């Protein structure tokens, strides 16, 4: 836990303490994206509860992460083919 840092953040008027290895700049960027996406969800669905909005954000985040991992996997496979062809 030597590199762990504590971040106090506010999202949608609620305070949170996050513990992680990220830089302060990274955490500011994360909070900014969350606030933007949360505002967008609430604009599109004005009656949505905070809990439902948070769940939708989590689903979107995991979906995006899985898509990015698929792209990484495909690129690694392509690089592997290229490496084998050069040998």
PDB file of N, CA and C in Angstrom:
ATOM      1  N   UNK A   1       0.817  -1.200   0.000  1.00  0.00           N
ATOM      2  CA  UNK A   1       0.000   0.000   0.000  1.00  0.00           C
ATOM      3  C   UNK A   1       0.857   1.259   0.000  1.00  0.00           C
ATOM      4  N   UNK A   2       2.114   1.152  -0.341  1.00  0.00           N
ATOM      5  CA  UNK A   2       3.029   2.285  -0.286  1.00  0.00           C
ATOM      6  C   UNK A   2       2.655   3.394  -1.252  1.00  0.00           C
ATOM      7  N   UNK A   3       2.130   3.066  -2.414  1.00  0.00           N
ATOM      8  CA  UNK A   3       1.809   4.069  -3.422  1.00  0.00           C
ATOM      9  C   UNK A   3       0.356   4.528  -3.377  1.00  0.00           C
ATOM     10  N   UNK A   4      -0.401   4.077  -2.430  1.00  0.00           N
ATOM     11  CA  UNK A   4      -1.816   4.433  -2.339  1.00  0.00           C
ATOM     12  C   UNK A   4      -1.968   5.877  -1.868  1.00  0.00           C
ATOM     13  N   UNK A   5      -2.913   6.566  -2.481  1.00  0.00           N
ATOM     14  CA  UNK A   5      -3.208   7.943  -2.109  1.00  0.00           C
ATOM     15  C   UNK A   5      -4.698   8.071  -1.832  1.00  0.00           C
ATOM     16  N   UNK A   6      -5.041   9.035  -1.020  1.00  0.00           N
ATOM     17  CA  UNK A   6      -6.431   9.321  -0.682  1.00  0.00           C
ATOM     18  C   UNK A   6      -6.888  10.546  -1.451  1.00  0.00           C
ATOM     19  N   UNK A   7      -8.040  10.431  -2.075  1.00  0.00           N
ATOM     20  CA  UNK A   7      -8.616  11.546  -2.818  1.00  0.00           C
ATOM     21  C   UNK A   7     -10.003  11.832  -2.263  1.00  0.00           C
ATOM     22  N   UNK A   8     -10.247  13.074  -1.912  1.00  0.00           N
ATOM     23  CA  UNK A   8     -11.583  13.491  -1.497  1.00  0.00           C
ATOM     24  C   UNK A   8     -12.212  14.173  -2.687  1.00  0.00           C
ATOM     25  N   UNK A   9     -13.338  13.611  -3.131  1.00  0.00           N
ATOM     26  CA  UNK A   9     -13.995  14.138  -4.319  1.00  0.00           C
ATOM     27  C   UNK A   9     -15.466  14.399  -4.022  1.00  0.00           C
ATOM     28  N   UNK A  10     -16.066  15.195  -4.878  1.00  0.00           N
ATOM     29  CA  UNK A  10     -17.501  15.462  -4.774  1.00  0.00           C
ATOM     30  C   UNK A  10     -18.130  15.179  -6.130  1.00  0.00           C
ATOM     31  N   UNK A  11     -19.164  14.363  -6.099  1.00  0.00           N
ATOM     32  CA  UNK A  11     -19.919  14.038  -7.300  1.00  0.00           C
ATOM     33  C   UNK A  11     -21.388  14.207  -6.993  1.00  0.00           C
ATOM     34  N   UNK A  12     -22.031  15.040  -7.777  1.00  0.00           N
ATOM     35  CA  UNK A  12     -23.473  15.273  -7.629  1.00  0.00           C
ATOM     36  C   UNK A  12     -23.836  15.688  -6.202  1.00  0.00           C
ATOM     37  N   UNK A  13     -22.990  16.529  -5.620  1.00  0.00           N
ATOM     38  CA  UNK A  13     -23.265  17.057  -4.289  1.00  0.00           C
ATOM     39  C   UNK A  13     -22.952  16.123  -3.137  1.00  0.00           C
ATOM     40  N   UNK A  14     -22.381  14.972  -3.429  1.00  0.00           N
ATOM     41  CA  UNK A  14     -22.051  14.004  -2.374  1.00  0.00           C
ATOM     42  C   UNK A  14     -20.536  13.829  -2.309  1.00  0.00           C
ATOM     43  N   UNK A  15     -20.024  13.737  -1.090  1.00  0.00           N
ATOM     44  CA  UNK A  15     -18.588  13.593  -0.883  1.00  0.00           C
ATOM     45  C   UNK A  15     -18.199  12.119  -0.823  1.00  0.00           C
ATOM     46  N   UNK A  16     -17.044  11.823  -1.427  1.00  0.00           N
ATOM     47  CA  UNK A  16     -16.512  10.468  -1.437  1.00  0.00           C
ATOM     48  C   UNK A  16     -15.019  10.535  -1.164  1.00  0.00           C
ATOM     49  N   UNK A  17     -14.488   9.495  -0.536  1.00  0.00           N
ATOM     50  CA  UNK A  17     -13.045   9.353  -0.388  1.00  0.00           C
ATOM     51  C   UNK A  17     -12.643   8.126  -1.181  1.00  0.00           C
ATOM     52  N   UNK A  18     -11.726   8.340  -2.117  1.00  0.00           N
ATOM     53  CA  UNK A  18     -11.255   7.281  -2.996  1.00  0.00           C
ATOM     54  C   UNK A  18      -9.796   6.997  -2.653  1.00  0.00           C
ATOM     55  N   UNK A  19      -9.450   5.744  -2.561  1.00  0.00           N
ATOM     56  CA  UNK A  19      -8.069   5.359  -2.295  1.00  0.00           C
ATOM     57  C   UNK A  19      -7.551   4.613  -3.513  1.00  0.00           C
ATOM     58  N   UNK A  20      -6.413   5.078  -4.047  1.00  0.00           N
ATOM     59  CA  UNK A  20      -5.867   4.432  -5.225  1.00  0.00           C
ATOM     60  C   UNK A  20      -4.468   4.917  -5.530  1.00  0.00           C
ATOM     61  N   UNK A  21      -3.933   4.416  -6.610  1.00  0.00           N
ATOM     62  CA  UNK A  21      -2.560   4.730  -7.009  1.00  0.00           C
ATOM     63  C   UNK A  21      -2.502   5.804  -8.087  1.00  0.00           C
ATOM     64  N   UNK A  22      -3.637   6.309  -8.510  1.00  0.00           N
ATOM     65  CA  UNK A  22      -3.683   7.285  -9.594  1.00  0.00           C
ATOM     66  C   UNK A  22      -3.153   8.636  -9.160  1.00  0.00           C
ATOM     67  N   UNK A  23      -2.796   9.435 -10.153  1.00  0.00           N
ATOM     68  CA  UNK A  23      -2.351  10.797  -9.874  1.00  0.00           C
ATOM     69  C   UNK A  23      -3.573  11.678  -9.603  1.00  0.00           C
ATOM     70  N   UNK A  24      -3.338  12.812  -8.996  1.00  0.00           N
ATOM     71  CA  UNK A  24      -4.421  13.765  -8.739  1.00  0.00           C
ATOM     72  C   UNK A  24      -5.027  14.228 -10.061  1.00  0.00           C
ATOM     73  N   UNK A  25      -4.186  14.422 -11.069  1.00  0.00           N
ATOM     74  CA  UNK A  25      -4.672  14.849 -12.386  1.00  0.00           C
ATOM     75  C   UNK A  25      -5.610  13.802 -12.982  1.00  0.00           C
ATOM     76  N   UNK A  26      -5.234  12.536 -12.853  1.00  0.00           N
ATOM     77  CA  UNK A  26      -6.078  11.454 -13.364  1.00  0.00           C
ATOM     78  C   UNK A  26      -7.428  11.446 -12.648  1.00  0.00           C
ATOM     79  N   UNK A  27      -7.405  11.580 -11.333  1.00  0.00           N
ATOM     80  CA  UNK A  27      -8.654  11.559 -10.567  1.00  0.00           C
ATOM     81  C   UNK A  27      -9.535  12.755 -10.926  1.00  0.00           C
ATOM     82  N   UNK A  28      -8.939  13.922 -11.158  1.00  0.00           N
ATOM     83  CA  UNK A  28      -9.731  15.088 -11.585  1.00  0.00           C
ATOM     84  C   UNK A  28     -10.410  14.804 -12.924  1.00  0.00           C
ATOM     85  N   UNK A  29      -9.679  14.153 -13.831  1.00  0.00           N
ATOM     86  CA  UNK A  29     -10.246  13.806 -15.129  1.00  0.00           C
ATOM     87  C   UNK A  29     -11.393  12.805 -14.970  1.00  0.00           C
ATOM     88  N   UNK A  30     -11.203  11.817 -14.094  1.00  0.00           N
ATOM     89  CA  UNK A  30     -12.253  10.824 -13.842  1.00  0.00           C
ATOM     90  C   UNK A  30     -13.511  11.504 -13.298  1.00  0.00           C
ATOM     91  N   UNK A  31     -13.333  12.360 -12.312  1.00  0.00           N
ATOM     92  CA  UNK A  31     -14.476  13.058 -11.709  1.00  0.00           C
ATOM     93  C   UNK A  31     -15.176  13.916 -12.750  1.00  0.00           C
ATOM     94  N   UNK A  32     -14.410  14.580 -13.591  1.00  0.00           N
ATOM     95  CA  UNK A  32     -14.992  15.433 -14.627  1.00  0.00           C
ATOM     96  C   UNK A  32     -15.870  14.612 -15.586  1.00  0.00           C
ATOM     97  N   UNK A  33     -15.348  13.471 -16.031  1.00  0.00           N
ATOM     98  CA  UNK A  33     -16.108  12.615 -16.947  1.00  0.00           C
ATOM     99  C   UNK A  33     -17.376  12.096 -16.265  1.00  0.00           C
ATOM    100  N   UNK A  34     -17.251  11.681 -15.020  1.00  0.00           N
ATOM    101  CA  UNK A  34     -18.425  11.186 -14.284  1.00  0.00           C
ATOM    102  C   UNK A  34     -19.475  12.275 -14.163  1.00  0.00           C
ATOM    103  N   UNK A  35     -19.062  13.470 -13.813  1.00  0.00           N
ATOM    104  CA  UNK A  35     -20.019  14.565 -13.664  1.00  0.00           C
ATOM    105  C   UNK A  35     -20.714  14.878 -14.988  1.00  0.00           C
ATOM    106  N   UNK A  36     -19.951  14.874 -16.081  1.00  0.00           N
ATOM    107  CA  UNK A  36     -20.545  15.117 -17.395  1.00  0.00           C
ATOM    108  C   UNK A  36     -21.556  14.036 -17.752  1.00  0.00           C
ATOM    109  N   UNK A  37     -21.165  12.783 -17.568  1.00  0.00           N
ATOM    110  CA  UNK A  37     -22.051  11.677 -17.929  1.00  0.00           C
ATOM    111  C   UNK A  37     -23.287  11.641 -17.039  1.00  0.00           C
ATOM    112  N   UNK A  38     -23.114  11.930 -15.765  1.00  0.00           N
ATOM    113  CA  UNK A  38     -24.248  11.955 -14.843  1.00  0.00           C
ATOM    114  C   UNK A  38     -25.229  13.060 -15.230  1.00  0.00           C
ATOM    115  N   UNK A  39     -24.717  14.213 -15.568  1.00  0.00           N
ATOM    116  CA  UNK A  39     -25.577  15.320 -15.998  1.00  0.00           C
ATOM    117  C   UNK A  39     -26.331  14.946 -17.274  1.00  0.00           C
ATOM    118  N   UNK A  40     -25.650  14.261 -18.188  1.00  0.00           N
ATOM    119  CA  UNK A  40     -26.281  13.838 -19.438  1.00  0.00           C
ATOM    120  C   UNK A  40     -27.419  12.843 -19.179  1.00  0.00           C
ATOM    121  N   UNK A  41     -27.157  11.871 -18.299  1.00  0.00           N
ATOM    122  CA  UNK A  41     -28.192  10.879 -17.967  1.00  0.00           C
ATOM    123  C   UNK A  41     -29.397  11.575 -17.339  1.00  0.00           C
ATOM    124  N   UNK A  42     -29.142  12.486 -16.418  1.00  0.00           N
ATOM    125  CA  UNK A  42     -30.246  13.166 -15.727  1.00  0.00           C
ATOM    126  C   UNK A  42     -31.011  14.098 -16.660  1.00  0.00           C
ATOM    127  N   UNK A  43     -30.334  14.622 -17.668  1.00  0.00           N
ATOM    128  CA  UNK A  43     -31.021  15.462 -18.654  1.00  0.00           C
ATOM    129  C   UNK A  43     -31.920  14.619 -19.546  1.00  0.00           C
ATOM    130  N   UNK A  44     -31.414  13.445 -19.942  1.00  0.00           N
ATOM    131  CA  UNK A  44     -32.186  12.558 -20.805  1.00  0.00           C
ATOM    132  C   UNK A  44     -33.316  11.860 -20.055  1.00  0.00           C
ATOM    133  N   UNK A  45     -33.114  11.643 -18.751  1.00  0.00           N
ATOM    134  CA  UNK A  45     -34.103  10.944 -17.932  1.00  0.00           C
ATOM    135  C   UNK A  45     -34.318  11.743 -16.642  1.00  0.00           C
ATOM    136  N   UNK A  46     -35.073  12.833 -16.714  1.00  0.00           N
ATOM    137  CA  UNK A  46     -35.169  13.760 -15.573  1.00  0.00           C
ATOM    138  C   UNK A  46     -35.641  13.136 -14.258  1.00  0.00           C
ATOM    139  N   UNK A  47     -36.443  12.114 -14.287  1.00  0.00           N
ATOM    140  CA  UNK A  47     -36.974  11.536 -13.061  1.00  0.00           C
ATOM    141  C   UNK A  47     -36.126  10.412 -12.485  1.00  0.00           C
ATOM    142  N   UNK A  48     -34.980  10.149 -13.072  1.00  0.00           N
ATOM    143  CA  UNK A  48     -34.175   8.999 -12.649  1.00  0.00           C
ATOM    144  C   UNK A  48     -33.611   9.218 -11.245  1.00  0.00           C
ATOM    145  N   UNK A  49     -33.586   8.164 -10.466  1.00  0.00           N
ATOM    146  CA  UNK A  49     -33.012   8.254  -9.118  1.00  0.00           C
ATOM    147  C   UNK A  49     -31.489   8.268  -9.211  1.00  0.00           C
ATOM    148  N   UNK A  50     -30.855   8.753  -8.161  1.00  0.00           N
ATOM    149  CA  UNK A  50     -29.384   8.771  -8.124  1.00  0.00           C
ATOM    150  C   UNK A  50     -28.820   7.356  -8.263  1.00  0.00           C
ATOM    151  N   UNK A  51     -29.468   6.405  -7.603  1.00  0.00           N
ATOM    152  CA  UNK A  51     -28.994   5.023  -7.652  1.00  0.00           C
ATOM    153  C   UNK A  51     -29.067   4.460  -9.064  1.00  0.00           C
ATOM    154  N   UNK A  52     -30.179   4.674  -9.744  1.00  0.00           N
ATOM    155  CA  UNK A  52     -30.321   4.163 -11.109  1.00  0.00           C
ATOM    156  C   UNK A  52     -29.331   4.844 -12.059  1.00  0.00           C
ATOM    157  N   UNK A  53     -29.139   6.139 -11.886  1.00  0.00           N
ATOM    158  CA  UNK A  53     -28.180   6.862 -12.720  1.00  0.00           C
ATOM    159  C   UNK A  53     -26.778   6.306 -12.509  1.00  0.00           C
ATOM    160  N   UNK A  54     -26.414   6.038 -11.265  1.00  0.00           N
ATOM    161  CA  UNK A  54     -25.093   5.486 -10.958  1.00  0.00           C
ATOM    162  C   UNK A  54     -24.924   4.101 -11.583  1.00  0.00           C
ATOM    163  N   UNK A  55     -25.980   3.302 -11.550  1.00  0.00           N
ATOM    164  CA  UNK A  55     -25.920   1.964 -12.141  1.00  0.00           C
ATOM    165  C   UNK A  55     -25.743   2.058 -13.653  1.00  0.00           C
ATOM    166  N   UNK A  56     -26.467   2.987 -14.289  1.00  0.00           N
ATOM    167  CA  UNK A  56     -26.308   3.164 -15.730  1.00  0.00           C
ATOM    168  C   UNK A  56     -24.887   3.598 -16.080  1.00  0.00           C
ATOM    169  N   UNK A  57     -24.322   4.509 -15.281  1.00  0.00           N
ATOM    170  CA  UNK A  57     -22.940   4.932 -15.518  1.00  0.00           C
ATOM    171  C   UNK A  57     -21.985   3.757 -15.371  1.00  0.00           C
ATOM    172  N   UNK A  58     -22.209   2.925 -14.373  1.00  0.00           N
ATOM    173  CA  UNK A  58     -21.342   1.757 -14.158  1.00  0.00           C
ATOM    174  C   UNK A  58     -21.449   0.782 -15.332  1.00  0.00           C
ATOM    175  N   UNK A  59     -22.655   0.548 -15.808  1.00  0.00           N
ATOM    176  CA  UNK A  59     -22.849  -0.351 -16.950  1.00  0.00           C
ATOM    177  C   UNK A  59     -22.128   0.205 -18.173  1.00  0.00           C
ATOM    178  N   UNK A  60     -22.276   1.499 -18.423  1.00  0.00           N
ATOM    179  CA  UNK A  60     -21.599   2.119 -19.565  1.00  0.00           C
ATOM    180  C   UNK A  60     -20.080   2.029 -19.426  1.00  0.00           C
ATOM    181  N   UNK A  61     -19.571   2.255 -18.227  1.00  0.00           N
ATOM    182  CA  UNK A  61     -18.129   2.217 -18.001  1.00  0.00           C
ATOM    183  C   UNK A  61     -17.571   0.813 -18.244  1.00  0.00           C
ATOM    184  N   UNK A  62     -18.253  -0.198 -17.729  1.00  0.00           N
ATOM    185  CA  UNK A  62     -17.779  -1.574 -17.915  1.00  0.00           C
ATOM    186  C   UNK A  62     -17.886  -1.974 -19.383  1.00  0.00           C
ATOM    187  N   UNK A  63     -18.955  -1.571 -20.035  1.00  0.00           N
ATOM    188  CA  UNK A  63     -19.117  -1.861 -21.457  1.00  0.00           C
ATOM    189  C   UNK A  63     -17.986  -1.238 -22.264  1.00  0.00           C
ATOM    190  N   UNK A  64     -17.680   0.025 -21.996  1.00  0.00           N
ATOM    191  CA  UNK A  64     -16.576   0.698 -22.692  1.00  0.00           C
ATOM    192  C   UNK A  64     -15.251   0.000 -22.420  1.00  0.00           C
ATOM    193  N   UNK A  65     -15.043  -0.409 -21.180  1.00  0.00           N
ATOM    194  CA  UNK A  65     -13.800  -1.092 -20.814  1.00  0.00           C
ATOM    195  C   UNK A  65     -13.662  -2.417 -21.576  1.00  0.00           C
ATOM    196  N   UNK A  66     -14.741  -3.168 -21.664  1.00  0.00           N
ATOM    197  CA  UNK A  66     -14.695  -4.445 -22.385  1.00  0.00           C
ATOM    198  C   UNK A  66     -14.429  -4.235 -23.872  1.00  0.00           C
ATOM    199  N   UNK A  67     -15.031  -3.200 -24.455  1.00  0.00           N
ATOM    200  CA  UNK A  67     -14.788  -2.896 -25.869  1.00  0.00           C
ATOM    201  C   UNK A  67     -13.325  -2.533 -26.100  1.00  0.00           C
ATOM    202  N   UNK A  68     -12.767  -1.737 -25.205  1.00  0.00           N
ATOM    203  CA  UNK A  68     -11.359  -1.359 -25.338  1.00  0.00           C
ATOM    204  C   UNK A  68     -10.451  -2.579 -25.190  1.00  0.00           C
ATOM    205  N   UNK A  69     -10.777  -3.480 -24.271  1.00  0.00           N
ATOM    206  CA  UNK A  69      -9.974  -4.684 -24.092  1.00  0.00           C
ATOM    207  C   UNK A  69     -10.032  -5.555 -25.342  1.00  0.00           C
ATOM    208  N   UNK A  70     -11.207  -5.633 -25.977  1.00  0.00           N
ATOM    209  CA  UNK A  70     -11.324  -6.394 -27.225  1.00  0.00           C
ATOM    210  C   UNK A  70     -10.411  -5.806 -28.300  1.00  0.00           C
ATOM    211  N   UNK A  71     -10.373  -4.472 -28.391  1.00  0.00           N
ATOM    212  CA  UNK A  71      -9.497  -3.821 -29.371  1.00  0.00           C
ATOM    213  C   UNK A  71      -8.028  -4.123 -29.071  1.00  0.00           C
ATOM    214  N   UNK A  72      -7.670  -4.063 -27.811  1.00  0.00           N
ATOM    215  CA  UNK A  72      -6.288  -4.368 -27.408  1.00  0.00           C
ATOM    216  C   UNK A  72      -5.946  -5.801 -27.771  1.00  0.00           C
ATOM    217  N   UNK A  73      -6.850  -6.715 -27.475  1.00  0.00           N
ATOM    218  CA  UNK A  73      -6.613  -8.133 -27.783  1.00  0.00           C
ATOM    219  C   UNK A  73      -6.422  -8.338 -29.286  1.00  0.00           C
ATOM    220  N   UNK A  74      -7.261  -7.672 -30.101  1.00  0.00           N
ATOM    221  CA  UNK A  74      -7.145  -7.794 -31.553  1.00  0.00           C
ATOM    222  C   UNK A  74      -5.807  -7.248 -32.039  1.00  0.00           C
ATOM    223  N   UNK A  75      -5.390  -6.106 -31.498  1.00  0.00           N
ATOM    224  CA  UNK A  75      -4.107  -5.525 -31.894  1.00  0.00           C
ATOM    225  C   UNK A  75      -2.945  -6.424 -31.493  1.00  0.00           C
ATOM    226  N   UNK A  76      -3.036  -7.022 -30.315  1.00  0.00           N
ATOM    227  CA  UNK A  76      -1.978  -7.929 -29.875  1.00  0.00           C
ATOM    228  C   UNK A  76      -1.904  -9.153 -30.781  1.00  0.00           C
ATOM    229  N   UNK A  77      -3.057  -9.654 -31.208  1.00  0.00           N
ATOM    230  CA  UNK A  77      -3.072 -10.787 -32.127  1.00  0.00           C
ATOM    231  C   UNK A  77      -2.437 -10.406 -33.455  1.00  0.00           C
ATOM    232  N   UNK A  78      -2.757  -9.209 -33.945  1.00  0.00           N
ATOM    233  CA  UNK A  78      -2.176  -8.746 -35.205  1.00  0.00           C
ATOM    234  C   UNK A  78      -0.666  -8.594 -35.080  1.00  0.00           C
ATOM    235  N   UNK A  79      -0.214  -8.051 -33.956  1.00  0.00           N
ATOM    236  CA  UNK A  79       1.222  -7.915 -33.728  1.00  0.00           C
ATOM    237  C   UNK A  79       1.894  -9.275 -33.653  1.00  0.00           C
ATOM    238  N   UNK A  80       1.243 -10.221 -33.029  1.00  0.00           N
ATOM    239  CA  UNK A  80       1.782 -11.574 -32.940  1.00  0.00           C
ATOM    240  C   UNK A  80       1.923 -12.206 -34.309  1.00  0.00           C
ATOM    241  N   UNK A  81       0.934 -12.004 -35.181  1.00  0.00           N
ATOM    242  CA  UNK A  81       1.003 -12.536 -36.544  1.00  0.00           C
ATOM    243  C   UNK A  81       2.154 -11.887 -37.304  1.00  0.00           C
ATOM    244  N   UNK A  82       2.288 -10.579 -37.147  1.00  0.00           N
ATOM    245  CA  UNK A  82       3.369  -9.860 -37.828  1.00  0.00           C
ATOM    246  C   UNK A  82       4.725 -10.345 -37.368  1.00  0.00           C
ATOM    247  N   UNK A  83       4.880 -10.537 -36.060  1.00  0.00           N
ATOM    248  CA  UNK A  83       6.148 -11.033 -35.506  1.00  0.00           C
ATOM    249  C   UNK A  83       6.469 -12.418 -36.068  1.00  0.00           C
ATOM    250  N   UNK A  84       5.479 -13.289 -36.135  1.00  0.00           N
ATOM    251  CA  UNK A  84       5.700 -14.659 -36.624  1.00  0.00           C
ATOM    252  C   UNK A  84       6.044 -14.634 -38.120  1.00  0.00           C
ATOM    253  N   UNK A  85       5.416 -13.731 -38.870  1.00  0.00           N
ATOM    254  CA  UNK A  85       5.685 -13.654 -40.311  1.00  0.00           C
ATOM    255  C   UNK A  85       7.092 -13.166 -40.588  1.00  0.00           C
ATOM    256  N   UNK A  86       7.636 -12.333 -39.699  1.00  0.00           N
ATOM    257  CA  UNK A  86       8.984 -11.783 -39.893  1.00  0.00           C
ATOM    258  C   UNK A  86      10.079 -12.775 -39.521  1.00  0.00           C
ATOM    259  N   UNK A  87       9.743 -13.815 -38.811  1.00  0.00           N
ATOM    260  CA  UNK A  87      10.761 -14.783 -38.359  1.00  0.00           C
ATOM    261  C   UNK A  87      11.108 -15.762 -39.432  1.00  0.00           C
TER     262      UNK A  87
END
